[in-house]
Amino acid sequence: MSGIVVVGAGQAGAALVAKLRMLGHAGPITLIGDEPVPPYQRPPLSKKYLLGEMPVERLFLRPVSFYDEHEIALRLNRPATRIDTAARKVWLGDEALGYDQLALTTGAEPRRLPAAIGGNLAGVHVVRRLADIDAMSPEFIAGRRVLIVGGGYIGLEAAAVARQRGLDVTLIEAAPRILQRVAATETADAVRALHAGHGVRILEGCGLERLDGSDGRVSTAMLSNGQEIAVDFAVVGIGVNPSIGLAQQAGLAIDNGIATDALGRSSDPHVWAAGDCTSFPWAGDRIRLESVQNAIDQAEAVAANMLGADTPYVPLPWFWSDQFDLKLQIAGLNTGYDRVVIRQTEGARSHWYYAGTRFLAVDALNDARAFMLGKRLLEAGRSPDPALVADPGCDLKSLLR
């Protein structure tokens, strides 16, 4: 028996193989990763790990012994190069592995600046993998000048770490404001004020024309507003693209990622997918969620369905971002909102998104209580009265009764 092969040793891949064993699958399982280290957490990479507050071993999701103990063959530093769906084989260079079922948990890759505008210069970094952080970490020396390209969560987190390390930080965002795609103006205003208070220079509505340098290393940036600034290095946080190369080569359906049905099955009945690489049906649409929690939940749902559960995956999205002393926690998806209700209590603030009277999502800024109760309301399908939400005297817990 060929067993189950999982390609992609990130958060989703690790969750999937562990769930298979937890559900009692006794057949062979192989987890293939293209990095030389076992599956690890990504969120701390751009925060505690970059700050030097977390050793690499603490990043690992499970010790290597876990995979041995559960008879999961861990194939590290071995990129999968081709899938033959007719023969049910995955190729690792010139080695072929047969499979009964295959799961793709290949994640996503950071968008990079084009080489034509200096994206291939030394000192231009992206944030995604352990190797990316190890490459940029020596750059974070107090007094140096860093340009952050992109005002999404990754760019803002990198900016916060750089300021905490004593660097001179300029962040540019080509859109009219930071967090434009993912958060309301109210949340962006609070985050902008936080960064300004810590000395981050934020330029909105300002793109990058090009990076220039001498001897192959970046030294200046020409901005779309006509400014030319000196930089010692740059961090690029302009989003990610789903890693679909293998799936495309195998002829699987692609739609903003590897297209799956509600169970997680691709257009080939023996191939499944989960995590950042995957798009799936939700609320009459097709979405792709880039989050740790979705990677885990979807992977575990796919594992169960690979074993015959036949249960559609219904996401309950939540996210978080740590910047300076701000813990921003987000529950739900704000797509389609037309109103934001602000709840302000002593030392805490939250922004509640509505479409008409329907509650969609909440951004909680140092307000764990609002986050937890908002999440519970969403899980219960409840839409609290906006007037009660805005009333600081109202106990949010009462809205669950």
Protein backbone atom coordinates (compact mmCIF):
# COMPACT_ATOMS: atom_id res chain seq x y z
CA MET A 1 0.00 0.00 0.00
CA SER A 2 1.38 3.40 -1.01
CA GLY A 3 -0.42 5.31 1.71
CA ILE A 4 -0.93 9.06 2.14
CA VAL A 5 1.63 11.60 0.95
CA VAL A 6 1.49 15.23 2.09
CA VAL A 7 3.51 17.83 0.17
CA GLY A 8 4.27 20.93 2.20
CA ALA A 9 5.72 20.76 5.72
CA GLY A 10 4.26 23.96 7.13
CA GLN A 11 1.49 24.57 9.64
CA ALA A 12 -1.18 22.88 7.51
CA GLY A 13 0.95 19.87 6.60
CA ALA A 14 1.97 19.28 10.21
CA ALA A 15 -1.64 19.57 11.40
CA LEU A 16 -2.88 17.22 8.70
CA VAL A 17 -0.50 14.35 9.38
CA ALA A 18 -0.97 14.62 13.15
CA LYS A 19 -4.77 14.55 12.73
CA LEU A 20 -4.58 11.49 10.48
CA ARG A 21 -2.82 9.55 13.23
CA MET A 22 -5.11 10.94 15.94
CA LEU A 23 -8.12 9.70 13.96
CA GLY A 24 -6.63 6.24 13.85
CA HIS A 25 -5.19 6.02 10.35
CA ALA A 26 -2.71 3.15 10.48
CA GLY A 27 -1.31 3.24 6.96
CA PRO A 28 1.91 4.84 5.75
CA ILE A 29 2.16 8.65 5.94
CA THR A 30 4.91 10.70 4.34
CA LEU A 31 5.35 14.45 4.90
CA ILE A 32 7.55 16.20 2.33
CA GLY A 33 9.16 19.58 3.02
CA ASP A 34 11.50 21.70 0.94
CA GLU A 35 13.21 23.29 3.97
CA PRO A 36 15.94 21.61 6.05
CA VAL A 37 14.04 22.04 9.35
CA PRO A 38 10.89 20.34 10.69
CA PRO A 39 7.54 22.19 10.54
CA TYR A 40 7.63 25.42 12.52
CA GLN A 41 5.47 28.38 13.55
CA ARG A 42 5.61 31.38 11.22
CA PRO A 43 4.02 34.20 13.29
CA PRO A 44 6.94 34.50 15.77
CA LEU A 45 9.43 34.76 12.89
CA SER A 46 8.79 38.47 12.32
CA LYS A 47 8.32 39.21 16.03
CA LYS A 48 9.98 37.31 18.89
CA TYR A 49 12.42 35.37 16.74
CA LEU A 50 13.59 38.46 14.86
CA LEU A 51 13.89 40.30 18.18
CA GLY A 52 16.10 37.49 19.47
CA GLU A 53 13.59 36.58 22.17
CA MET A 54 12.87 33.04 20.94
CA PRO A 55 15.41 30.32 20.09
CA VAL A 56 14.89 28.40 16.86
CA GLU A 57 13.98 25.18 18.68
CA ARG A 58 10.92 26.84 20.21
CA LEU A 59 9.62 27.59 16.74
CA PHE A 60 9.22 23.89 15.94
CA LEU A 61 5.60 22.77 16.10
CA ARG A 62 6.61 19.36 17.38
CA PRO A 63 9.95 17.71 18.15
CA VAL A 64 11.38 15.49 15.45
CA SER A 65 10.79 12.53 17.77
CA PHE A 66 7.02 13.02 17.36
CA TYR A 67 7.21 12.05 13.70
CA ASP A 68 9.31 8.99 14.49
CA GLU A 69 7.01 7.92 17.33
CA HIS A 70 3.93 8.20 15.09
CA GLU A 71 5.59 6.54 12.11
CA ILE A 72 5.35 9.62 9.93
CA ALA A 73 8.15 9.63 7.37
CA LEU A 74 9.53 13.18 7.40
CA ARG A 75 11.36 13.99 4.17
CA LEU A 76 13.06 17.36 4.67
CA ASN A 77 15.02 19.48 2.22
CA ARG A 78 13.45 17.50 -0.62
CA PRO A 79 11.33 19.71 -2.90
CA ALA A 80 8.58 17.90 -4.78
CA THR A 81 9.19 18.57 -8.48
CA ARG A 82 6.33 16.83 -10.30
CA ILE A 83 3.04 15.03 -9.76
CA ASP A 84 1.76 12.30 -12.07
CA THR A 85 -1.93 12.00 -11.17
CA ALA A 86 -2.52 9.13 -13.61
CA ALA A 87 0.22 7.01 -12.05
CA ARG A 88 -0.41 8.49 -8.58
CA LYS A 89 3.21 9.40 -8.04
CA VAL A 90 5.04 12.40 -6.62
CA TRP A 91 8.54 13.02 -7.90
CA LEU A 92 11.34 14.36 -5.71
CA GLY A 93 13.90 14.99 -8.41
CA ASP A 94 14.62 11.53 -9.81
CA GLU A 95 12.88 9.69 -6.94
CA ALA A 96 9.21 8.75 -7.24
CA LEU A 97 6.84 8.15 -4.33
CA GLY A 98 3.54 6.41 -4.95
CA TYR A 99 0.38 7.47 -3.15
CA ASP A 100 -3.18 6.30 -2.58
CA GLN A 101 -4.16 9.82 -1.57
CA LEU A 102 -2.17 13.05 -1.87
CA ALA A 103 -2.61 16.29 0.07
CA LEU A 104 -1.06 19.56 -1.07
CA THR A 105 -0.27 21.98 1.74
CA THR A 106 2.26 24.04 -0.18
CA GLY A 107 1.36 27.40 1.38
CA ALA A 108 2.19 30.68 -0.31
CA GLU A 109 5.23 32.59 -1.47
CA PRO A 110 5.94 36.29 -0.84
CA ARG A 111 5.60 38.68 -3.73
CA ARG A 112 8.96 40.18 -4.63
CA LEU A 113 9.92 43.43 -6.25
CA PRO A 114 10.77 43.11 -9.96
CA ALA A 115 14.47 42.93 -10.75
CA ALA A 116 13.95 45.86 -13.12
CA ILE A 117 13.39 48.18 -10.15
CA GLY A 118 16.11 46.72 -7.94
CA GLY A 119 14.31 43.80 -6.38
CA ASN A 120 17.34 41.53 -6.82
CA LEU A 121 19.80 43.85 -5.05
CA ALA A 122 21.52 42.57 -1.92
CA GLY A 123 19.87 43.95 1.19
CA VAL A 124 16.32 43.56 -0.17
CA HIS A 125 14.45 41.06 2.00
CA VAL A 126 11.07 39.34 2.22
CA VAL A 127 9.37 37.84 5.27
CA ARG A 128 8.08 34.29 5.01
CA ARG A 129 10.54 31.54 5.89
CA LEU A 130 13.06 30.89 8.62
CA ALA A 131 15.85 31.39 6.09
CA ASP A 132 14.40 34.82 5.21
CA ILE A 133 14.56 35.95 8.83
CA ASP A 134 18.02 34.48 9.37
CA ALA A 135 19.21 36.42 6.30
CA MET A 136 17.79 39.75 7.43
CA SER A 137 18.44 39.51 11.17
CA PRO A 138 22.07 40.76 10.97
CA GLU A 139 20.76 43.91 9.25
CA PHE A 140 18.80 44.99 12.33
CA ILE A 141 21.46 47.15 13.97
CA ALA A 142 20.53 50.27 15.91
CA GLY A 143 20.94 53.45 13.88
CA ARG A 144 20.67 51.83 10.45
CA ARG A 145 18.04 53.00 7.97
CA VAL A 146 15.42 50.54 6.75
CA LEU A 147 12.73 51.02 4.14
CA ILE A 148 9.59 48.95 4.65
CA VAL A 149 7.63 48.49 1.41
CA GLY A 150 3.99 47.74 2.16
CA GLY A 151 1.59 48.84 4.89
CA GLY A 152 -0.13 45.54 5.59
CA TYR A 153 0.33 43.49 8.74
CA ILE A 154 3.69 42.01 7.72
CA GLY A 155 5.18 45.41 6.89
CA LEU A 156 3.82 47.01 10.05
CA GLU A 157 5.12 44.18 12.24
CA ALA A 158 8.56 44.48 10.64
CA ALA A 159 8.48 48.23 11.21
CA ALA A 160 7.63 47.73 14.88
CA VAL A 161 10.49 45.28 15.40
CA ALA A 162 12.92 47.60 13.60
CA ARG A 163 12.00 50.52 15.86
CA GLN A 164 12.26 48.32 18.92
CA ARG A 165 15.79 47.46 17.75
CA GLY A 166 16.61 51.18 17.42
CA LEU A 167 16.55 51.53 13.63
CA ASP A 168 15.45 54.53 11.59
CA VAL A 169 12.27 53.32 9.87
CA THR A 170 10.41 54.60 6.82
CA LEU A 171 7.32 52.69 5.71
CA ILE A 172 5.69 53.38 2.34
CA GLU A 173 2.25 52.26 1.21
CA ALA A 174 1.12 52.80 -2.38
CA ALA A 175 -2.57 52.70 -1.44
CA PRO A 176 -4.20 55.79 0.07
CA ARG A 177 -3.79 54.34 3.56
CA ILE A 178 -2.25 51.45 5.47
CA LEU A 179 -4.32 48.28 5.95
CA GLN A 180 -6.65 49.39 3.17
CA ARG A 181 -7.53 45.87 1.99
CA VAL A 182 -8.03 44.32 5.39
CA ALA A 183 -9.23 46.83 7.97
CA ALA A 184 -11.50 49.82 8.44
CA THR A 185 -10.24 53.40 8.51
CA GLU A 186 -10.79 53.42 12.28
CA THR A 187 -8.37 50.53 12.81
CA ALA A 188 -5.84 51.99 10.38
CA ASP A 189 -5.98 55.35 12.20
CA ALA A 190 -5.22 53.69 15.54
CA VAL A 191 -2.33 51.67 14.10
CA ARG A 192 -0.90 54.69 12.29
CA ALA A 193 -0.97 56.76 15.49
CA LEU A 194 0.73 53.93 17.39
CA HIS A 195 3.59 53.77 14.89
CA ALA A 196 3.96 57.54 14.67
CA GLY A 197 4.20 57.65 18.45
CA HIS A 198 7.12 55.22 18.28
CA GLY A 199 8.95 57.18 15.59
CA VAL A 200 8.01 55.25 12.45
CA ARG A 201 7.74 57.50 9.41
CA ILE A 202 4.71 56.37 7.37
CA LEU A 203 4.17 57.66 3.83
CA GLU A 204 0.76 56.72 2.43
CA GLY A 205 -0.25 57.03 -1.19
CA CYS A 206 3.45 56.71 -1.92
CA GLY A 207 4.85 53.94 -4.08
CA LEU A 208 8.34 52.79 -4.89
CA GLU A 209 9.78 53.83 -8.23
CA ARG A 210 13.03 51.93 -7.86
CA LEU A 211 15.85 50.86 -5.59
CA ASP A 212 19.41 51.73 -6.58
CA GLY A 213 22.76 50.73 -5.21
CA SER A 214 26.44 50.31 -5.79
CA ASP A 215 28.38 47.05 -5.91
CA GLY A 216 25.08 45.18 -6.14
CA ARG A 217 23.72 46.33 -2.77
CA VAL A 218 20.79 48.66 -2.17
CA SER A 219 21.69 52.15 -0.94
CA THR A 220 18.94 54.51 -2.14
CA ALA A 221 15.21 54.41 -2.88
CA MET A 222 13.39 56.66 -5.31
CA LEU A 223 9.78 57.14 -4.22
CA SER A 224 6.77 58.01 -6.36
CA ASN A 225 6.44 61.37 -4.59
CA GLY A 226 9.82 62.39 -6.01
CA GLN A 227 11.80 61.83 -2.81
CA GLU A 228 15.08 60.00 -2.88
CA ILE A 229 16.05 58.51 0.47
CA ALA A 230 19.15 56.72 1.67
CA VAL A 231 18.58 53.19 2.96
CA ASP A 232 20.81 50.50 4.37
CA PHE A 233 18.36 47.71 3.57
CA ALA A 234 14.71 47.13 2.65
CA VAL A 235 11.98 44.76 3.79
CA VAL A 236 9.26 43.99 1.27
CA GLY A 237 5.80 43.09 2.57
CA ILE A 238 3.46 43.39 -0.42
CA GLY A 239 1.46 40.22 0.00
CA VAL A 240 1.79 36.60 -1.07
CA ASN A 241 0.78 34.37 -3.94
CA PRO A 242 -0.49 30.82 -3.38
CA SER A 243 2.08 28.17 -4.23
CA ILE A 244 0.32 26.44 -7.10
CA GLY A 245 3.18 25.40 -9.39
CA LEU A 246 2.93 21.67 -8.66
CA ALA A 247 -0.86 21.73 -8.91
CA GLN A 248 -0.77 23.55 -12.24
CA GLN A 249 1.78 21.10 -13.62
CA ALA A 250 -0.49 18.25 -12.52
CA GLY A 251 -3.45 19.78 -14.34
CA LEU A 252 -5.52 20.52 -11.23
CA ALA A 253 -8.15 23.27 -11.35
CA ILE A 254 -6.82 26.65 -10.17
CA ASP A 255 -8.94 29.58 -8.96
CA ASN A 256 -7.00 31.98 -6.72
CA GLY A 257 -5.21 28.93 -5.39
CA ILE A 258 -5.80 25.21 -5.74
CA ALA A 259 -9.56 25.01 -6.17
CA THR A 260 -11.22 22.48 -3.87
CA ASP A 261 -14.77 21.52 -3.02
CA ALA A 262 -16.20 22.03 0.46
CA LEU A 263 -14.52 18.83 1.64
CA GLY A 264 -11.07 19.93 0.52
CA ARG A 265 -10.87 17.67 -2.52
CA SER A 266 -9.28 19.07 -5.67
CA SER A 267 -10.44 18.47 -9.24
CA ASP A 268 -8.65 15.11 -9.01
CA PRO A 269 -10.50 12.72 -6.63
CA HIS A 270 -7.26 11.43 -5.12
CA VAL A 271 -5.72 14.86 -4.45
CA TRP A 272 -6.68 17.16 -1.58
CA ALA A 273 -5.45 20.59 -0.49
CA ALA A 274 -5.48 22.78 2.60
CA GLY A 275 -4.04 26.04 3.92
CA ASP A 276 -2.80 29.18 2.20
CA CYS A 277 -2.51 27.47 -1.19
CA THR A 278 -6.21 26.61 -1.32
CA SER A 279 -9.44 28.31 -2.36
CA PHE A 280 -12.75 26.81 -1.31
CA PRO A 281 -16.49 27.58 -1.40
CA TRP A 282 -17.86 29.74 1.40
CA ALA A 283 -21.08 31.74 1.75
CA GLY A 284 -21.89 31.47 -1.94
CA ASP A 285 -18.42 32.64 -2.97
CA ARG A 286 -14.93 31.18 -3.28
CA ILE A 287 -12.31 32.41 -0.83
CA ARG A 288 -8.73 31.80 0.19
CA LEU A 289 -7.79 32.47 3.80
CA GLU A 290 -4.23 33.29 4.80
CA SER A 291 -4.07 32.56 8.51
CA VAL A 292 -2.55 30.11 10.95
CA GLN A 293 -5.94 29.14 12.33
CA ASN A 294 -7.38 28.39 8.92
CA ALA A 295 -4.32 26.33 8.02
CA ILE A 296 -4.84 24.19 11.12
CA ASP A 297 -8.63 23.92 11.00
CA GLN A 298 -8.84 23.26 7.28
CA ALA A 299 -6.02 20.70 7.39
CA GLU A 300 -7.70 18.81 10.22
CA ALA A 301 -11.01 18.86 8.34
CA VAL A 302 -9.28 17.55 5.21
CA ALA A 303 -7.59 14.78 7.22
CA ALA A 304 -10.99 13.64 8.48
CA ASN A 305 -12.47 13.77 4.99
CA MET A 306 -9.57 11.79 3.54
CA LEU A 307 -10.63 9.08 5.99
CA GLY A 308 -14.28 9.28 4.93
CA ALA A 309 -15.89 11.85 7.26
CA ASP A 310 -17.61 13.61 4.31
CA THR A 311 -18.05 16.82 6.36
CA PRO A 312 -17.87 20.22 4.63
CA TYR A 313 -15.33 22.64 6.04
CA VAL A 314 -16.94 25.77 7.52
CA PRO A 315 -14.29 28.30 8.60
CA LEU A 316 -14.58 30.48 11.68
CA PRO A 317 -11.81 32.95 10.81
CA TRP A 318 -9.70 34.73 13.36
CA PHE A 319 -6.34 36.47 13.13
CA TRP A 320 -3.96 38.52 15.23
CA SER A 321 -1.08 40.97 14.92
CA ASP A 322 1.38 42.16 17.60
CA GLN A 323 2.90 45.63 17.12
CA PHE A 324 4.72 47.43 19.94
CA ASP A 325 2.33 47.20 22.92
CA LEU A 326 -0.72 46.62 20.72
CA LYS A 327 -2.33 43.21 20.44
CA LEU A 328 -4.77 43.42 17.55
CA GLN A 329 -7.15 40.46 17.46
CA ILE A 330 -9.62 39.98 14.62
CA ALA A 331 -12.59 37.64 14.47
CA GLY A 332 -14.66 37.12 11.33
CA LEU A 333 -14.33 38.52 7.82
CA ASN A 334 -15.32 42.14 7.19
CA THR A 335 -16.01 41.68 3.46
CA GLY A 336 -19.03 43.74 2.45
CA TYR A 337 -19.28 45.89 5.56
CA ASP A 338 -21.02 49.26 5.32
CA ARG A 339 -20.78 50.40 8.93
CA VAL A 340 -18.25 50.33 11.76
CA VAL A 341 -19.39 50.61 15.37
CA ILE A 342 -16.77 51.78 17.85
CA ARG A 343 -16.73 50.43 21.39
CA GLN A 344 -14.45 52.33 23.76
CA THR A 345 -13.86 51.27 27.34
CA GLU A 346 -11.09 52.11 29.75
CA GLY A 347 -7.79 51.04 28.19
CA ALA A 348 -9.47 49.05 25.42
CA ARG A 349 -11.13 49.65 22.08
CA SER A 350 -12.86 47.54 19.46
CA HIS A 351 -14.34 48.13 16.01
CA TRP A 352 -17.41 46.10 15.04
CA TYR A 353 -18.23 45.60 11.35
CA TYR A 354 -21.80 45.40 10.11
CA ALA A 355 -23.50 44.93 6.75
CA GLY A 356 -26.85 46.51 7.48
CA THR A 357 -27.85 44.87 10.75
CA ARG A 358 -25.72 41.74 10.21
CA PHE A 359 -22.59 41.48 12.35
CA LEU A 360 -19.56 40.42 10.27
CA ALA A 361 -16.34 40.89 12.23
CA VAL A 362 -14.58 42.67 15.06
CA ASP A 363 -11.14 44.27 15.40
CA ALA A 364 -10.15 44.25 19.07
CA LEU A 365 -7.30 46.57 20.08
CA ASN A 366 -5.91 45.42 23.42
CA ASP A 367 -9.40 44.17 24.19
CA ALA A 368 -9.30 40.40 24.57
CA ARG A 369 -12.79 40.37 26.06
CA ALA A 370 -14.33 42.05 22.99
CA PHE A 371 -12.45 39.63 20.75
CA MET A 372 -13.58 36.51 22.61
CA LEU A 373 -17.21 37.60 22.89
CA GLY A 374 -17.31 38.84 19.30
CA LYS A 375 -15.93 35.48 18.18
CA ARG A 376 -18.57 33.63 20.19
CA LEU A 377 -21.33 35.79 18.72
CA LEU A 378 -20.10 35.02 15.21
CA GLU A 379 -19.91 31.30 15.95
CA ALA A 380 -23.48 31.42 17.25
CA GLY A 381 -24.68 33.35 14.20
CA ARG A 382 -25.84 36.26 16.41
CA SER A 383 -25.93 39.92 15.36
CA PRO A 384 -25.99 42.15 18.45
CA ASP A 385 -27.75 45.50 18.42
CA PRO A 386 -25.12 48.06 17.34
CA ALA A 387 -26.38 50.55 19.93
CA LEU A 388 -25.71 48.05 22.71
CA VAL A 389 -22.26 47.25 21.34
CA ALA A 390 -21.37 50.96 21.32
CA ASP A 391 -22.60 51.44 24.91
CA PRO A 392 -19.58 51.03 27.24
CA GLY A 393 -21.99 50.34 30.07
CA CYS A 394 -23.38 47.28 28.33
CA ASP A 395 -21.91 43.96 29.44
CA LEU A 396 -21.04 42.24 26.15
CA LYS A 397 -21.63 38.87 27.76
CA SER A 398 -25.31 39.74 28.08
CA LEU A 399 -25.54 39.80 24.28
CA LEU A 400 -25.01 36.04 24.23
CA ARG A 401 -28.08 35.32 26.35
